[in-house]
Amino acid sequence: MVIYGHQNGHLMFVMEPITSLSVVRQTLQTTQKCAEECNQDYGLVTYDLNAAKPAMQIQARESPTFDNIFIRLGAFHIEMAFFKALGKLMAESGGSDMLTETGVLAPGSLNGFLTGKHFNRCKRLHPLLALAFESLHFKAFLQTCDFKEELHTLQQTKII
């Protein structure tokens, strides 16, 4: 394995695929060394999904060697899992129908949106859908309120 490192505190560059078991093992060992040098009992390492899977397999297979390392997914994969969970909740809510009927989302793109597979589409459409639901919720709230007294007060003060 070819590793390029610096003495100024940076971690090393590994010139092999991150999914290689030898590279994953090396990053786990490096994480342990870093935790040790910082007088910490546990180390934390963030991986892409394709590297986290073999890291967790190594950790389970070689227990207790790497039991002091917490392996977590990067923000991208956490957000994709969040989009997938939202899609499952939203599948029967009518929100997806709202997006396709208004022309915001093509019917053929709906499945990728609901399963959280298309990051850019999800990142763009979830805030739009949230705003639409928020607007509907606020309109429903306004219909339950009686603003006659407040309107009369505003007219008296000549604000409106």
C-alpha atoms as a PDB file:
ATOM      1  CA  MET A   1       0.000   0.000   0.000  1.00  0.00           C
ATOM      2  CA  VAL A   2       1.389   3.402  -0.985  1.00  0.00           C
ATOM      3  CA  ILE A   3       0.816   6.048   1.694  1.00  0.00           C
ATOM      4  CA  TYR A   4       1.947   9.654   1.558  1.00  0.00           C
ATOM      5  CA  GLY A   5       2.059  11.448   4.895  1.00  0.00           C
ATOM      6  CA  HIS A   6       3.140  14.723   6.431  1.00  0.00           C
ATOM      7  CA  GLN A   7       4.712  15.470   9.783  1.00  0.00           C
ATOM      8  CA  ASN A   8       2.749  18.703  10.275  1.00  0.00           C
ATOM      9  CA  GLY A   9      -0.351  17.011  11.706  1.00  0.00           C
ATOM     10  CA  HIS A  10      -2.173  16.038   8.535  1.00  0.00           C
ATOM     11  CA  LEU A  11      -3.323  12.493   8.073  1.00  0.00           C
ATOM     12  CA  MET A  12      -1.844  10.454   5.287  1.00  0.00           C
ATOM     13  CA  PHE A  13      -3.005  10.176   1.670  1.00  0.00           C
ATOM     14  CA  VAL A  14      -3.780   6.651   0.617  1.00  0.00           C
ATOM     15  CA  MET A  15      -3.259   6.000  -3.073  1.00  0.00           C
ATOM     16  CA  GLU A  16      -5.628   3.006  -3.309  1.00  0.00           C
ATOM     17  CA  PRO A  17      -9.413   2.630  -3.433  1.00  0.00           C
ATOM     18  CA  ILE A  18     -11.091   3.334  -0.101  1.00  0.00           C
ATOM     19  CA  THR A  19     -13.144   0.157  -0.490  1.00  0.00           C
ATOM     20  CA  SER A  20     -10.026  -2.027  -0.346  1.00  0.00           C
ATOM     21  CA  LEU A  21      -9.999  -4.012   2.890  1.00  0.00           C
ATOM     22  CA  SER A  22      -6.333  -3.217   3.519  1.00  0.00           C
ATOM     23  CA  VAL A  23      -7.048   0.514   3.200  1.00  0.00           C
ATOM     24  CA  VAL A  24     -10.066   0.296   5.490  1.00  0.00           C
ATOM     25  CA  ARG A  25      -8.027  -1.643   8.066  1.00  0.00           C
ATOM     26  CA  GLN A  26      -5.259   0.991   7.835  1.00  0.00           C
ATOM     27  CA  THR A  27      -7.751   3.817   8.439  1.00  0.00           C
ATOM     28  CA  LEU A  28      -9.149   1.972  11.465  1.00  0.00           C
ATOM     29  CA  GLN A  29      -5.633   1.537  12.856  1.00  0.00           C
ATOM     30  CA  THR A  30      -4.845   5.208  12.155  1.00  0.00           C
ATOM     31  CA  THR A  31      -8.024   6.225  13.966  1.00  0.00           C
ATOM     32  CA  GLN A  32      -6.934   4.188  16.978  1.00  0.00           C
ATOM     33  CA  LYS A  33      -3.495   5.854  16.940  1.00  0.00           C
ATOM     34  CA  CYS A  34      -5.065   9.313  16.744  1.00  0.00           C
ATOM     35  CA  ALA A  35      -7.377   8.554  19.679  1.00  0.00           C
ATOM     36  CA  GLU A  36      -4.430   7.199  21.657  1.00  0.00           C
ATOM     37  CA  GLU A  37      -2.287  10.288  20.945  1.00  0.00           C
ATOM     38  CA  CYS A  38      -5.170  12.511  22.088  1.00  0.00           C
ATOM     39  CA  ASN A  39      -5.628  10.461  25.283  1.00  0.00           C
ATOM     40  CA  GLN A  40      -9.130   9.457  24.220  1.00  0.00           C
ATOM     41  CA  ASP A  41     -10.700   6.091  24.915  1.00  0.00           C
ATOM     42  CA  TYR A  42     -12.614   6.071  21.631  1.00  0.00           C
ATOM     43  CA  GLY A  43     -11.938   7.147  18.074  1.00  0.00           C
ATOM     44  CA  LEU A  44     -14.419   8.461  15.547  1.00  0.00           C
ATOM     45  CA  VAL A  45     -14.143   7.865  11.817  1.00  0.00           C
ATOM     46  CA  THR A  46     -16.516   9.022   9.080  1.00  0.00           C
ATOM     47  CA  TYR A  47     -16.812   6.938   5.938  1.00  0.00           C
ATOM     48  CA  ASP A  48     -18.711   6.935   2.695  1.00  0.00           C
ATOM     49  CA  LEU A  49     -21.294   4.127   2.600  1.00  0.00           C
ATOM     50  CA  ASN A  50     -19.098   1.884   0.417  1.00  0.00           C
ATOM     51  CA  ALA A  51     -16.243   2.113   2.923  1.00  0.00           C
ATOM     52  CA  ALA A  52     -18.380   1.998   6.071  1.00  0.00           C
ATOM     53  CA  LYS A  53     -19.777  -1.434   5.226  1.00  0.00           C
ATOM     54  CA  PRO A  54     -16.375  -3.206   5.109  1.00  0.00           C
ATOM     55  CA  ALA A  55     -15.206  -1.191   8.129  1.00  0.00           C
ATOM     56  CA  MET A  56     -18.146  -2.449  10.164  1.00  0.00           C
ATOM     57  CA  GLN A  57     -17.518  -5.990   8.922  1.00  0.00           C
ATOM     58  CA  ILE A  58     -13.866  -5.787   9.994  1.00  0.00           C
ATOM     59  CA  GLN A  59     -14.904  -4.322  13.330  1.00  0.00           C
ATOM     60  CA  ALA A  60     -17.397  -7.146  13.935  1.00  0.00           C
ATOM     61  CA  ARG A  61     -15.088  -9.919  12.705  1.00  0.00           C
ATOM     62  CA  GLU A  62     -12.049  -8.744  14.674  1.00  0.00           C
ATOM     63  CA  SER A  63     -13.838  -7.808  17.875  1.00  0.00           C
ATOM     64  CA  PRO A  64     -12.585  -6.550  20.361  1.00  0.00           C
ATOM     65  CA  THR A  65      -9.612  -5.118  18.395  1.00  0.00           C
ATOM     66  CA  PHE A  66     -11.561  -2.198  16.902  1.00  0.00           C
ATOM     67  CA  ASP A  67     -14.364  -1.943  19.478  1.00  0.00           C
ATOM     68  CA  ASN A  68     -13.097   1.465  20.582  1.00  0.00           C
ATOM     69  CA  ILE A  69     -13.869   3.032  17.179  1.00  0.00           C
ATOM     70  CA  PHE A  70     -17.199   4.637  16.372  1.00  0.00           C
ATOM     71  CA  ILE A  71     -17.902   4.328  12.629  1.00  0.00           C
ATOM     72  CA  ARG A  72     -20.392   6.769  11.181  1.00  0.00           C
ATOM     73  CA  LEU A  73     -21.699   7.634   7.754  1.00  0.00           C
ATOM     74  CA  GLY A  74     -20.954  10.958   6.135  1.00  0.00           C
ATOM     75  CA  ALA A  75     -23.531  13.734   5.904  1.00  0.00           C
ATOM     76  CA  PHE A  76     -24.456  12.906   2.307  1.00  0.00           C
ATOM     77  CA  HIS A  77     -25.591   9.381   3.143  1.00  0.00           C
ATOM     78  CA  ILE A  78     -27.384  10.503   6.275  1.00  0.00           C
ATOM     79  CA  GLU A  79     -29.293  13.075   4.217  1.00  0.00           C
ATOM     80  CA  MET A  80     -30.134  10.464   1.575  1.00  0.00           C
ATOM     81  CA  ALA A  81     -31.504   8.153   4.295  1.00  0.00           C
ATOM     82  CA  PHE A  82     -33.535  11.088   5.628  1.00  0.00           C
ATOM     83  CA  PHE A  83     -34.973  11.752   2.156  1.00  0.00           C
ATOM     84  CA  LYS A  84     -35.884   8.073   1.852  1.00  0.00           C
ATOM     85  CA  ALA A  85     -37.667   8.139   5.232  1.00  0.00           C
ATOM     86  CA  LEU A  86     -39.568  11.274   4.208  1.00  0.00           C
ATOM     87  CA  GLY A  87     -40.521   9.592   0.941  1.00  0.00           C
ATOM     88  CA  LYS A  88     -41.976   6.621   2.820  1.00  0.00           C
ATOM     89  CA  LEU A  89     -44.014   8.932   5.032  1.00  0.00           C
ATOM     90  CA  MET A  90     -45.138  11.013   2.074  1.00  0.00           C
ATOM     91  CA  ALA A  91     -45.988   8.195  -0.351  1.00  0.00           C
ATOM     92  CA  GLU A  92     -49.674   8.137   0.560  1.00  0.00           C
ATOM     93  CA  SER A  93     -50.059  11.722   1.821  1.00  0.00           C
ATOM     94  CA  GLY A  94     -51.055  13.310  -1.458  1.00  0.00           C
ATOM     95  CA  GLY A  95     -47.881  15.374  -1.587  1.00  0.00           C
ATOM     96  CA  SER A  96     -46.490  13.377  -4.475  1.00  0.00           C
ATOM     97  CA  ASP A  97     -49.765  13.823  -6.374  1.00  0.00           C
ATOM     98  CA  MET A  98     -49.530  17.553  -5.728  1.00  0.00           C
ATOM     99  CA  LEU A  99     -46.049  17.656  -7.246  1.00  0.00           C
ATOM    100  CA  THR A 100     -46.993  15.714 -10.388  1.00  0.00           C
ATOM    101  CA  GLU A 101     -50.342  17.451 -10.994  1.00  0.00           C
ATOM    102  CA  THR A 102     -48.751  20.905 -10.770  1.00  0.00           C
ATOM    103  CA  GLY A 103     -46.010  19.898 -13.199  1.00  0.00           C
ATOM    104  CA  VAL A 104     -43.198  20.384 -10.686  1.00  0.00           C
ATOM    105  CA  LEU A 105     -42.243  16.712 -10.971  1.00  0.00           C
ATOM    106  CA  ALA A 106     -42.680  14.393 -13.950  1.00  0.00           C
ATOM    107  CA  PRO A 107     -44.610  11.196 -13.157  1.00  0.00           C
ATOM    108  CA  GLY A 108     -41.605   9.105 -14.260  1.00  0.00           C
ATOM    109  CA  SER A 109     -39.377  10.900 -11.743  1.00  0.00           C
ATOM    110  CA  LEU A 110     -41.703  10.319  -8.819  1.00  0.00           C
ATOM    111  CA  ASN A 111     -40.233   6.965  -7.743  1.00  0.00           C
ATOM    112  CA  GLY A 112     -36.679   8.341  -7.563  1.00  0.00           C
ATOM    113  CA  PHE A 113     -37.948  11.226  -5.455  1.00  0.00           C
ATOM    114  CA  LEU A 114     -39.910   9.028  -3.039  1.00  0.00           C
ATOM    115  CA  THR A 115     -37.064   6.535  -2.572  1.00  0.00           C
ATOM    116  CA  GLY A 116     -34.501   9.307  -2.015  1.00  0.00           C
ATOM    117  CA  LYS A 117     -32.275   8.079  -4.864  1.00  0.00           C
ATOM    118  CA  HIS A 118     -31.904  11.419  -6.682  1.00  0.00           C
ATOM    119  CA  PHE A 119     -30.126  13.802  -4.308  1.00  0.00           C
ATOM    120  CA  ASN A 120     -30.442  17.017  -6.338  1.00  0.00           C
ATOM    121  CA  ARG A 121     -34.120  16.441  -7.034  1.00  0.00           C
ATOM    122  CA  CYS A 122     -34.824  15.704  -3.373  1.00  0.00           C
ATOM    123  CA  LYS A 123     -32.781  18.686  -2.204  1.00  0.00           C
ATOM    124  CA  ARG A 124     -34.815  20.959  -4.492  1.00  0.00           C
ATOM    125  CA  LEU A 125     -38.291  19.483  -4.071  1.00  0.00           C
ATOM    126  CA  HIS A 126     -38.550  18.703  -0.359  1.00  0.00           C
ATOM    127  CA  PRO A 127     -38.345  22.393   0.646  1.00  0.00           C
ATOM    128  CA  LEU A 128     -40.967  23.262  -2.012  1.00  0.00           C
ATOM    129  CA  LEU A 129     -43.299  20.578  -0.754  1.00  0.00           C
ATOM    130  CA  ALA A 130     -42.723  21.612   2.861  1.00  0.00           C
ATOM    131  CA  LEU A 131     -43.627  25.206   1.956  1.00  0.00           C
ATOM    132  CA  ALA A 132     -46.803  24.043   0.186  1.00  0.00           C
ATOM    133  CA  PHE A 133     -47.883  22.023   3.239  1.00  0.00           C
ATOM    134  CA  GLU A 134     -47.015  24.921   5.532  1.00  0.00           C
ATOM    135  CA  SER A 135     -49.142  27.298   3.443  1.00  0.00           C
ATOM    136  CA  LEU A 136     -52.098  24.882   3.504  1.00  0.00           C
ATOM    137  CA  HIS A 137     -51.708  24.460   7.256  1.00  0.00           C
ATOM    138  CA  PHE A 138     -51.604  28.235   7.821  1.00  0.00           C
ATOM    139  CA  LYS A 139     -54.698  28.794   5.627  1.00  0.00           C
ATOM    140  CA  ALA A 140     -56.569  26.157   7.637  1.00  0.00           C
ATOM    141  CA  PHE A 141     -55.490  27.905  10.842  1.00  0.00           C
ATOM    142  CA  LEU A 142     -56.725  31.285   9.585  1.00  0.00           C
ATOM    143  CA  GLN A 143     -60.150  29.794   8.828  1.00  0.00           C
ATOM    144  CA  THR A 144     -60.535  28.710  12.454  1.00  0.00           C
ATOM    145  CA  CYS A 145     -59.775  32.161  13.884  1.00  0.00           C
ATOM    146  CA  ASP A 146     -62.123  35.087  14.363  1.00  0.00           C
ATOM    147  CA  PHE A 147     -60.290  38.317  13.577  1.00  0.00           C
ATOM    148  CA  LYS A 148     -63.256  40.749  13.669  1.00  0.00           C
ATOM    149  CA  GLU A 149     -62.119  42.407  16.877  1.00  0.00           C
ATOM    150  CA  GLU A 150     -58.510  42.771  15.716  1.00  0.00           C
ATOM    151  CA  LEU A 151     -59.640  44.126  12.327  1.00  0.00           C
ATOM    152  CA  HIS A 152     -61.851  46.704  14.046  1.00  0.00           C
ATOM    153  CA  THR A 153     -58.907  47.806  16.230  1.00  0.00           C
ATOM    154  CA  LEU A 154     -56.661  48.173  13.174  1.00  0.00           C
ATOM    155  CA  GLN A 155     -59.300  50.253  11.372  1.00  0.00           C
ATOM    156  CA  GLN A 156     -59.642  52.545  14.401  1.00  0.00           C
ATOM    157  CA  THR A 157     -55.897  53.216  14.467  1.00  0.00           C
ATOM    158  CA  LYS A 158     -55.970  53.885  10.697  1.00  0.00           C
ATOM    159  CA  ILE A 159     -53.145  51.439  10.047  1.00  0.00           C
ATOM    160  CA  ILE A 160     -55.087  49.818   7.220  1.00  0.00           C
END
